[in-house]
């Protein structure tokens, strides 16, 4: 738990919701590492809560396949499941290629400006090598496309499955330059502005395939993190 970040509790959150959000955030950002043991007493002290919200949050994350509960052995953060990561990647590739087409038809100049602002800020944090900020801005870019195209339910579906893929992407940003991903986003914005639906569609699919191109390098850099 050395690098674990304790988030501020929201006014409308229950203890269970708060603990779950903190654990999920730190699992996705690999501050709690795959295979790391979850020791209930330590988390009670850390979050200043009783055992019940810890157990409830752990059970929620167990149902999402992010925590393994092993009788008589203990509770551990799940290793990254390559098959599950690939399923999420495929889902996103299908949805976001269609989103790219719709964006060419729907997005206004103001909408494109919002996407470009994201890219400009992202470029700044690449220069500062702040992986967490880079990852957050990557998430915001894709979420913004769903929102601007009027697909909130698609966004909810993707976000529910996202943590498995997100962990792998965080690791990719830790061991490989993010400049190519940024370039993909810039090219996609240009294709949308040009109303080139076919190019935008292909760029979106190519972008979501970057992980497969980098997968072996990521696994070599973090050999103990994968199932």
C-alpha atoms as a PDB file:
ATOM      1  CA  UNK A   1       0.000   0.000   0.000  1.00  0.00           C
ATOM      2  CA  UNK A   2       3.073   2.228  -0.159  1.00  0.00           C
ATOM      3  CA  UNK A   3       1.897   4.438  -3.059  1.00  0.00           C
ATOM      4  CA  UNK A   4      -1.833   4.129  -2.490  1.00  0.00           C
ATOM      5  CA  UNK A   5      -3.778   7.352  -2.925  1.00  0.00           C
ATOM      6  CA  UNK A   6      -6.562   8.116  -0.463  1.00  0.00           C
ATOM      7  CA  UNK A   7      -9.250  10.064  -2.273  1.00  0.00           C
ATOM      8  CA  UNK A   8     -11.473  12.637  -0.621  1.00  0.00           C
ATOM      9  CA  UNK A   9     -14.859  11.272   0.377  1.00  0.00           C
ATOM     10  CA  UNK A  10     -17.848  12.744  -1.450  1.00  0.00           C
ATOM     11  CA  UNK A  11     -20.696  14.190   0.590  1.00  0.00           C
ATOM     12  CA  UNK A  12     -23.267  11.756  -0.808  1.00  0.00           C
ATOM     13  CA  UNK A  13     -21.145   8.592  -0.554  1.00  0.00           C
ATOM     14  CA  UNK A  14     -21.698   5.753   1.872  1.00  0.00           C
ATOM     15  CA  UNK A  15     -18.613   4.196   3.452  1.00  0.00           C
ATOM     16  CA  UNK A  16     -19.027   1.196   1.159  1.00  0.00           C
ATOM     17  CA  UNK A  17     -19.165   3.370  -1.954  1.00  0.00           C
ATOM     18  CA  UNK A  18     -16.180   5.405  -0.805  1.00  0.00           C
ATOM     19  CA  UNK A  19     -13.992   2.395  -0.058  1.00  0.00           C
ATOM     20  CA  UNK A  20     -14.968   0.753  -3.347  1.00  0.00           C
ATOM     21  CA  UNK A  21     -14.118   3.896  -5.333  1.00  0.00           C
ATOM     22  CA  UNK A  22     -10.741   4.247  -3.610  1.00  0.00           C
ATOM     23  CA  UNK A  23      -9.858   0.588  -4.103  1.00  0.00           C
ATOM     24  CA  UNK A  24     -10.954   0.650  -7.736  1.00  0.00           C
ATOM     25  CA  UNK A  25      -8.976   3.821  -8.422  1.00  0.00           C
ATOM     26  CA  UNK A  26      -5.813   2.365  -6.938  1.00  0.00           C
ATOM     27  CA  UNK A  27      -6.235  -1.028  -8.607  1.00  0.00           C
ATOM     28  CA  UNK A  28      -6.719   0.584 -12.022  1.00  0.00           C
ATOM     29  CA  UNK A  29      -3.736   2.902 -11.523  1.00  0.00           C
ATOM     30  CA  UNK A  30      -1.687  -0.100 -10.321  1.00  0.00           C
ATOM     31  CA  UNK A  31      -0.946   1.526  -6.983  1.00  0.00           C
ATOM     32  CA  UNK A  32      -2.339  -1.698  -5.503  1.00  0.00           C
ATOM     33  CA  UNK A  33      -0.487  -4.208  -7.628  1.00  0.00           C
ATOM     34  CA  UNK A  34      -1.800  -7.429  -9.180  1.00  0.00           C
ATOM     35  CA  UNK A  35      -1.308 -10.254  -6.703  1.00  0.00           C
ATOM     36  CA  UNK A  36      -1.085  -7.927  -3.709  1.00  0.00           C
ATOM     37  CA  UNK A  37      -2.861  -9.170  -0.601  1.00  0.00           C
ATOM     38  CA  UNK A  38      -5.821  -7.227   0.795  1.00  0.00           C
ATOM     39  CA  UNK A  39      -5.462  -7.180   4.591  1.00  0.00           C
ATOM     40  CA  UNK A  40      -8.760  -6.127   6.103  1.00  0.00           C
ATOM     41  CA  UNK A  41      -7.389  -4.613   9.315  1.00  0.00           C
ATOM     42  CA  UNK A  42      -4.927  -2.404   7.432  1.00  0.00           C
ATOM     43  CA  UNK A  43      -7.682  -1.023   5.221  1.00  0.00           C
ATOM     44  CA  UNK A  44      -9.935  -0.374   8.214  1.00  0.00           C
ATOM     45  CA  UNK A  45      -7.173   1.760   9.695  1.00  0.00           C
ATOM     46  CA  UNK A  46      -6.410   3.425   6.387  1.00  0.00           C
ATOM     47  CA  UNK A  47      -9.981   4.447   5.605  1.00  0.00           C
ATOM     48  CA  UNK A  48     -11.067   4.884   9.223  1.00  0.00           C
ATOM     49  CA  UNK A  49     -14.073   2.594   8.751  1.00  0.00           C
ATOM     50  CA  UNK A  50     -15.330  -0.663  10.251  1.00  0.00           C
ATOM     51  CA  UNK A  51     -14.783  -4.055   8.643  1.00  0.00           C
ATOM     52  CA  UNK A  52     -18.255  -4.129   7.056  1.00  0.00           C
ATOM     53  CA  UNK A  53     -17.724  -1.511   4.300  1.00  0.00           C
ATOM     54  CA  UNK A  54     -14.324  -3.043   3.546  1.00  0.00           C
ATOM     55  CA  UNK A  55     -15.888  -6.481   3.114  1.00  0.00           C
ATOM     56  CA  UNK A  56     -18.761  -5.088   1.033  1.00  0.00           C
ATOM     57  CA  UNK A  57     -16.405  -3.172  -1.260  1.00  0.00           C
ATOM     58  CA  UNK A  58     -14.154  -6.208  -1.665  1.00  0.00           C
ATOM     59  CA  UNK A  59     -17.172  -8.360  -2.535  1.00  0.00           C
ATOM     60  CA  UNK A  60     -18.273  -5.838  -5.188  1.00  0.00           C
ATOM     61  CA  UNK A  61     -14.816  -5.876  -6.762  1.00  0.00           C
ATOM     62  CA  UNK A  62     -14.678  -9.653  -6.514  1.00  0.00           C
ATOM     63  CA  UNK A  63     -17.882  -9.809  -8.577  1.00  0.00           C
ATOM     64  CA  UNK A  64     -16.156  -7.578 -11.134  1.00  0.00           C
ATOM     65  CA  UNK A  65     -13.192 -10.021 -11.244  1.00  0.00           C
ATOM     66  CA  UNK A  66     -10.763  -7.410  -9.900  1.00  0.00           C
ATOM     67  CA  UNK A  67     -10.233  -9.102  -6.519  1.00  0.00           C
ATOM     68  CA  UNK A  68      -9.793 -12.833  -5.867  1.00  0.00           C
ATOM     69  CA  UNK A  69     -11.167 -14.284  -2.645  1.00  0.00           C
ATOM     70  CA  UNK A  70      -9.415 -17.565  -1.885  1.00  0.00           C
ATOM     71  CA  UNK A  71     -10.752 -19.578   1.078  1.00  0.00           C
ATOM     72  CA  UNK A  72      -8.074 -20.291   3.717  1.00  0.00           C
ATOM     73  CA  UNK A  73      -5.495 -18.387   1.652  1.00  0.00           C
ATOM     74  CA  UNK A  74      -6.645 -14.799   1.690  1.00  0.00           C
ATOM     75  CA  UNK A  75      -7.915 -11.993  -0.523  1.00  0.00           C
ATOM     76  CA  UNK A  76      -5.759 -10.695  -3.371  1.00  0.00           C
ATOM     77  CA  UNK A  77      -5.878  -8.196  -6.216  1.00  0.00           C
ATOM     78  CA  UNK A  78      -6.529 -10.194  -9.394  1.00  0.00           C
ATOM     79  CA  UNK A  79      -3.815 -10.589 -11.969  1.00  0.00           C
ATOM     80  CA  UNK A  80      -4.472  -9.013 -15.359  1.00  0.00           C
ATOM     81  CA  UNK A  81      -6.495 -11.455 -17.458  1.00  0.00           C
ATOM     82  CA  UNK A  82      -5.366 -11.133 -21.090  1.00  0.00           C
ATOM     83  CA  UNK A  83      -8.538 -12.685 -22.484  1.00  0.00           C
ATOM     84  CA  UNK A  84     -10.735 -10.261 -20.563  1.00  0.00           C
ATOM     85  CA  UNK A  85      -8.559  -7.320 -21.668  1.00  0.00           C
ATOM     86  CA  UNK A  86      -8.919  -8.429 -25.282  1.00  0.00           C
ATOM     87  CA  UNK A  87     -12.710  -8.703 -24.987  1.00  0.00           C
ATOM     88  CA  UNK A  88     -12.921  -5.140 -23.687  1.00  0.00           C
ATOM     89  CA  UNK A  89     -10.562  -3.932 -26.420  1.00  0.00           C
ATOM     90  CA  UNK A  90     -12.723  -5.557 -29.088  1.00  0.00           C
ATOM     91  CA  UNK A  91     -15.892  -4.046 -27.618  1.00  0.00           C
ATOM     92  CA  UNK A  92     -14.372  -0.581 -27.599  1.00  0.00           C
ATOM     93  CA  UNK A  93     -13.016  -0.987 -31.130  1.00  0.00           C
ATOM     94  CA  UNK A  94     -16.495  -1.774 -32.474  1.00  0.00           C
ATOM     95  CA  UNK A  95     -18.268   1.004 -30.577  1.00  0.00           C
ATOM     96  CA  UNK A  96     -15.662   3.718 -31.057  1.00  0.00           C
ATOM     97  CA  UNK A  97     -15.285   3.093 -34.771  1.00  0.00           C
ATOM     98  CA  UNK A  98     -19.024   3.766 -35.078  1.00  0.00           C
ATOM     99  CA  UNK A  99     -18.693   6.771 -32.758  1.00  0.00           C
ATOM    100  CA  UNK A 100     -15.983   8.149 -35.074  1.00  0.00           C
ATOM    101  CA  UNK A 101     -18.364   7.936 -38.039  1.00  0.00           C
ATOM    102  CA  UNK A 102     -21.130   9.688 -36.095  1.00  0.00           C
ATOM    103  CA  UNK A 103     -18.730  12.361 -34.907  1.00  0.00           C
ATOM    104  CA  UNK A 104     -18.066  13.303 -38.540  1.00  0.00           C
ATOM    105  CA  UNK A 105     -21.783  13.979 -38.965  1.00  0.00           C
ATOM    106  CA  UNK A 106     -22.584  15.569 -35.618  1.00  0.00           C
ATOM    107  CA  UNK A 107     -19.663  17.457 -34.093  1.00  0.00           C
ATOM    108  CA  UNK A 108     -19.633  21.243 -34.300  1.00  0.00           C
ATOM    109  CA  UNK A 109     -16.637  23.565 -34.327  1.00  0.00           C
ATOM    110  CA  UNK A 110     -17.100  24.107 -30.592  1.00  0.00           C
ATOM    111  CA  UNK A 111     -17.131  20.334 -30.040  1.00  0.00           C
ATOM    112  CA  UNK A 112     -13.889  19.949 -31.966  1.00  0.00           C
ATOM    113  CA  UNK A 113     -12.354  22.746 -29.910  1.00  0.00           C
ATOM    114  CA  UNK A 114     -13.158  20.791 -26.731  1.00  0.00           C
ATOM    115  CA  UNK A 115     -11.355  17.750 -28.116  1.00  0.00           C
ATOM    116  CA  UNK A 116      -8.359  19.851 -29.158  1.00  0.00           C
ATOM    117  CA  UNK A 117      -8.167  21.427 -25.697  1.00  0.00           C
ATOM    118  CA  UNK A 118      -7.869  17.926 -24.245  1.00  0.00           C
ATOM    119  CA  UNK A 119      -4.999  17.146 -26.633  1.00  0.00           C
ATOM    120  CA  UNK A 120      -3.166  20.374 -25.780  1.00  0.00           C
ATOM    121  CA  UNK A 121      -3.339  19.673 -22.043  1.00  0.00           C
ATOM    122  CA  UNK A 122      -2.327  16.055 -22.626  1.00  0.00           C
ATOM    123  CA  UNK A 123       0.742  17.183 -24.580  1.00  0.00           C
ATOM    124  CA  UNK A 124       1.764  19.301 -21.593  1.00  0.00           C
ATOM    125  CA  UNK A 125       1.608  16.343 -19.206  1.00  0.00           C
ATOM    126  CA  UNK A 126       3.489  14.103 -21.624  1.00  0.00           C
ATOM    127  CA  UNK A 127       6.313  16.616 -21.385  1.00  0.00           C
ATOM    128  CA  UNK A 128       6.168  16.310 -17.595  1.00  0.00           C
ATOM    129  CA  UNK A 129       5.915  12.478 -17.785  1.00  0.00           C
ATOM    130  CA  UNK A 130       2.934  12.403 -15.425  1.00  0.00           C
ATOM    131  CA  UNK A 131       1.424   9.006 -16.214  1.00  0.00           C
ATOM    132  CA  UNK A 132      -1.666   9.407 -14.051  1.00  0.00           C
ATOM    133  CA  UNK A 133      -2.617  12.695 -15.726  1.00  0.00           C
ATOM    134  CA  UNK A 134      -1.952  11.230 -19.176  1.00  0.00           C
ATOM    135  CA  UNK A 135      -4.234   8.315 -18.393  1.00  0.00           C
ATOM    136  CA  UNK A 136      -6.982  10.596 -17.022  1.00  0.00           C
ATOM    137  CA  UNK A 137      -6.872  12.774 -20.128  1.00  0.00           C
ATOM    138  CA  UNK A 138      -6.986   9.727 -22.393  1.00  0.00           C
ATOM    139  CA  UNK A 139     -10.124   8.552 -20.571  1.00  0.00           C
ATOM    140  CA  UNK A 140     -11.670  12.026 -20.811  1.00  0.00           C
ATOM    141  CA  UNK A 141     -11.003  12.233 -24.557  1.00  0.00           C
ATOM    142  CA  UNK A 142     -12.865   9.009 -25.283  1.00  0.00           C
ATOM    143  CA  UNK A 143     -15.667   9.800 -22.814  1.00  0.00           C
ATOM    144  CA  UNK A 144     -16.102  13.194 -24.468  1.00  0.00           C
ATOM    145  CA  UNK A 145     -16.603  11.561 -27.872  1.00  0.00           C
ATOM    146  CA  UNK A 146     -19.410   9.397 -26.469  1.00  0.00           C
ATOM    147  CA  UNK A 147     -21.013  12.427 -24.819  1.00  0.00           C
ATOM    148  CA  UNK A 148     -20.767  14.708 -27.840  1.00  0.00           C
ATOM    149  CA  UNK A 149     -22.275  12.013 -30.068  1.00  0.00           C
ATOM    150  CA  UNK A 150     -25.180  11.488 -27.653  1.00  0.00           C
ATOM    151  CA  UNK A 151     -24.268   7.930 -26.620  1.00  0.00           C
ATOM    152  CA  UNK A 152     -24.308   7.982 -22.799  1.00  0.00           C
ATOM    153  CA  UNK A 153     -25.513   4.369 -22.535  1.00  0.00           C
ATOM    154  CA  UNK A 154     -22.669   3.139 -24.735  1.00  0.00           C
ATOM    155  CA  UNK A 155     -20.323   5.034 -22.439  1.00  0.00           C
ATOM    156  CA  UNK A 156     -21.841   3.349 -19.369  1.00  0.00           C
ATOM    157  CA  UNK A 157     -21.374  -0.104 -20.924  1.00  0.00           C
ATOM    158  CA  UNK A 158     -17.740   0.588 -21.747  1.00  0.00           C
ATOM    159  CA  UNK A 159     -17.007   2.126 -18.352  1.00  0.00           C
ATOM    160  CA  UNK A 160     -18.446  -0.870 -16.512  1.00  0.00           C
ATOM    161  CA  UNK A 161     -15.992  -3.175 -18.292  1.00  0.00           C
ATOM    162  CA  UNK A 162     -13.130  -0.671 -18.508  1.00  0.00           C
ATOM    163  CA  UNK A 163     -11.007  -1.451 -15.393  1.00  0.00           C
ATOM    164  CA  UNK A 164      -9.493  -4.615 -16.876  1.00  0.00           C
ATOM    165  CA  UNK A 165      -8.356  -2.819 -20.041  1.00  0.00           C
ATOM    166  CA  UNK A 166      -7.478   0.348 -18.128  1.00  0.00           C
ATOM    167  CA  UNK A 167      -4.911  -1.419 -15.948  1.00  0.00           C
ATOM    168  CA  UNK A 168      -3.102  -2.618 -19.053  1.00  0.00           C
ATOM    169  CA  UNK A 169      -3.191   0.882 -20.558  1.00  0.00           C
ATOM    170  CA  UNK A 170      -1.741   2.424 -17.375  1.00  0.00           C
ATOM    171  CA  UNK A 171       1.158  -0.041 -17.621  1.00  0.00           C
ATOM    172  CA  UNK A 172       1.638   0.821 -21.299  1.00  0.00           C
ATOM    173  CA  UNK A 173       1.963   4.513 -20.401  1.00  0.00           C
ATOM    174  CA  UNK A 174       4.543   3.587 -17.746  1.00  0.00           C
ATOM    175  CA  UNK A 175       6.848   1.702 -20.100  1.00  0.00           C
ATOM    176  CA  UNK A 176       6.240   3.174 -23.552  1.00  0.00           C
ATOM    177  CA  UNK A 177       5.978   6.712 -24.991  1.00  0.00           C
ATOM    178  CA  UNK A 178       2.438   8.117 -25.090  1.00  0.00           C
ATOM    179  CA  UNK A 179       3.276  10.254 -28.131  1.00  0.00           C
ATOM    180  CA  UNK A 180       1.802   7.768 -30.640  1.00  0.00           C
ATOM    181  CA  UNK A 181      -1.484   7.624 -28.759  1.00  0.00           C
ATOM    182  CA  UNK A 182      -1.589  11.419 -28.727  1.00  0.00           C
ATOM    183  CA  UNK A 183      -0.872  11.481 -32.468  1.00  0.00           C
ATOM    184  CA  UNK A 184      -3.777   9.073 -33.018  1.00  0.00           C
ATOM    185  CA  UNK A 185      -6.123  11.457 -31.221  1.00  0.00           C
ATOM    186  CA  UNK A 186      -4.913  14.434 -33.237  1.00  0.00           C
ATOM    187  CA  UNK A 187      -5.368  12.560 -36.528  1.00  0.00           C
ATOM    188  CA  UNK A 188      -8.839  11.456 -35.480  1.00  0.00           C
ATOM    189  CA  UNK A 189      -9.861  15.049 -34.733  1.00  0.00           C
ATOM    190  CA  UNK A 190      -8.537  16.121 -38.145  1.00  0.00           C
ATOM    191  CA  UNK A 191     -10.510  13.342 -39.890  1.00  0.00           C
ATOM    192  CA  UNK A 192     -13.682  14.323 -38.019  1.00  0.00           C
ATOM    193  CA  UNK A 193     -13.180  17.994 -38.924  1.00  0.00           C
ATOM    194  CA  UNK A 194     -12.735  16.973 -42.589  1.00  0.00           C
ATOM    195  CA  UNK A 195     -15.981  14.909 -42.339  1.00  0.00           C
ATOM    196  CA  UNK A 196     -14.039  11.887 -43.644  1.00  0.00           C
ATOM    197  CA  UNK A 197     -16.096   9.060 -42.140  1.00  0.00           C
ATOM    198  CA  UNK A 198     -14.084   6.183 -43.611  1.00  0.00           C
ATOM    199  CA  UNK A 199     -10.770   7.593 -42.410  1.00  0.00           C
ATOM    200  CA  UNK A 200     -12.143   8.373 -38.957  1.00  0.00           C
ATOM    201  CA  UNK A 201     -13.547   4.825 -38.725  1.00  0.00           C
ATOM    202  CA  UNK A 202     -10.190   3.239 -39.612  1.00  0.00           C
ATOM    203  CA  UNK A 203      -8.237   5.559 -37.325  1.00  0.00           C
ATOM    204  CA  UNK A 204     -10.466   4.614 -34.386  1.00  0.00           C
ATOM    205  CA  UNK A 205      -9.960   0.897 -35.045  1.00  0.00           C
ATOM    206  CA  UNK A 206      -6.198   1.329 -35.486  1.00  0.00           C
ATOM    207  CA  UNK A 207      -6.023   3.321 -32.259  1.00  0.00           C
ATOM    208  CA  UNK A 208      -7.724   0.566 -30.251  1.00  0.00           C
ATOM    209  CA  UNK A 209      -5.303  -1.968 -31.732  1.00  0.00           C
ATOM    210  CA  UNK A 210      -2.246  -0.157 -30.339  1.00  0.00           C
ATOM    211  CA  UNK A 211      -2.391  -2.255 -27.197  1.00  0.00           C
ATOM    212  CA  UNK A 212      -1.940  -5.485 -29.170  1.00  0.00           C
ATOM    213  CA  UNK A 213       1.120  -3.994 -30.846  1.00  0.00           C
ATOM    214  CA  UNK A 214       2.605  -3.162 -27.434  1.00  0.00           C
ATOM    215  CA  UNK A 215       1.354  -6.138 -25.410  1.00  0.00           C
ATOM    216  CA  UNK A 216       4.540  -8.216 -25.406  1.00  0.00           C
ATOM    217  CA  UNK A 217       6.675  -5.235 -24.396  1.00  0.00           C
ATOM    218  CA  UNK A 218       4.293  -4.472 -21.519  1.00  0.00           C
ATOM    219  CA  UNK A 219       4.380  -8.088 -20.326  1.00  0.00           C
ATOM    220  CA  UNK A 220       8.181  -8.092 -20.450  1.00  0.00           C
ATOM    221  CA  UNK A 221       8.275  -4.871 -18.426  1.00  0.00           C
ATOM    222  CA  UNK A 222       5.783  -6.168 -15.831  1.00  0.00           C
ATOM    223  CA  UNK A 223       6.134  -9.972 -15.940  1.00  0.00           C
ATOM    224  CA  UNK A 224       4.515 -10.628 -12.566  1.00  0.00           C
ATOM    225  CA  UNK A 225       1.314  -8.721 -13.274  1.00  0.00           C
ATOM    226  CA  UNK A 226      -0.380 -10.994 -15.814  1.00  0.00           C
ATOM    227  CA  UNK A 227      -2.380 -14.145 -15.262  1.00  0.00           C
END
